């Protein structure tokens, strides 16, 4: 069984990975049930106090899990801490193997998040939440990762954090990166690319739009013939344009949402891909850009933390506009350097198929399950 905190939307990174893992395991002959919020969090629960209710509502799954005959139950999200803790109290022989399978580690994301400047903390409800509910939620979040039998991360940075904080021992942790969709791995690209910079990501604080815009302004100013493509901003098109000088609007293309085929086309024609996020659970956009032959400029979060600096990508400090601008300009000017980096990037991900990655995950689960059964006997 897979229990997830996200909607199963293949257009969104988290939903896409849950669907890919579960479909892949089914293709290997396993019976997989996926429980998404619509199954345990009815719409009438509403949005008010949702963070609290999302940690209480999954208790509805407790009996279903125990009676389902499952070998393994994997949980995507910190919201399931109270349920996991309750299940973990049962004797090992009388419950499934419990696994935290991340789509991003909330504990680390909370550390990386910026404080809400100017937030009004004066209301009684807000003060009660800050003093009573928030501490409970933080403890519940920790249980989601400390009470499981195994921790399966999708990037090395998340596993390193869990081990460093002594939440789980390294022996009970693993890293299995998501696959890259075949449509990207099949992409053909020419060394003669368009003079184009591409950025991708929702227009949210976690993606650091202020840094993104500052870098775009600087690079567009230095390169008068540069195209700038912004992908995946949803309904924030006007916000993006307002943040950029009108003098560069003719060189700016904003794609609120793209099909995978169109995304491959845009990336395959681009020279450089910029991804300045403050936190990523993985950042599939980076591996997709690498597969399409882009030289990537990223920050040390998610997959970006595993990029081989100066070999298959450039890793910049968070919020470092000067460094990002300098590195992008260098890649745009030095064709041989950019081509070598793009080729190394492509080679890095070319074997990272979903079929291969799912088999790796299957092997880990089978090993953990065998060890747990041996210990229970």
Foldseek 3Di string as FASTA:
>chain_A
DEEEADDLDCQDQVNVQVVLLQVLVVVVPDDDDYHYCVNQPPCVVDDVVVLQVLLVRCCVCLVVQQPVPDQEYEYEALSPLVSLQVQLVDQLVRGHAYEHEYQAQVVVVVVLDDDDPPDDCPDPVSVCCVVPVVVVSVVSSLSSQQSGQAYEAQFPVVLVVCCVVVSDPPVRYDHQHAAADVLLLPQDADLQAALEEEEEDEPDVQQPVVLVLLLVQLQCVVPVRYAYEYEQHAPCVVVSCVSHDPVCVVRYHYYNGDDPNVVLVVLLRYAEYEGQGSEGSAPSVQLSSLSSQYAYEYECYHVLVVDDDQQQHHYDHHSPSVVSNVVSVVSSVDSVSSNRNSVRSNVVRSPRHSSVSSVVVVVSSVVSSVVSVVVSD
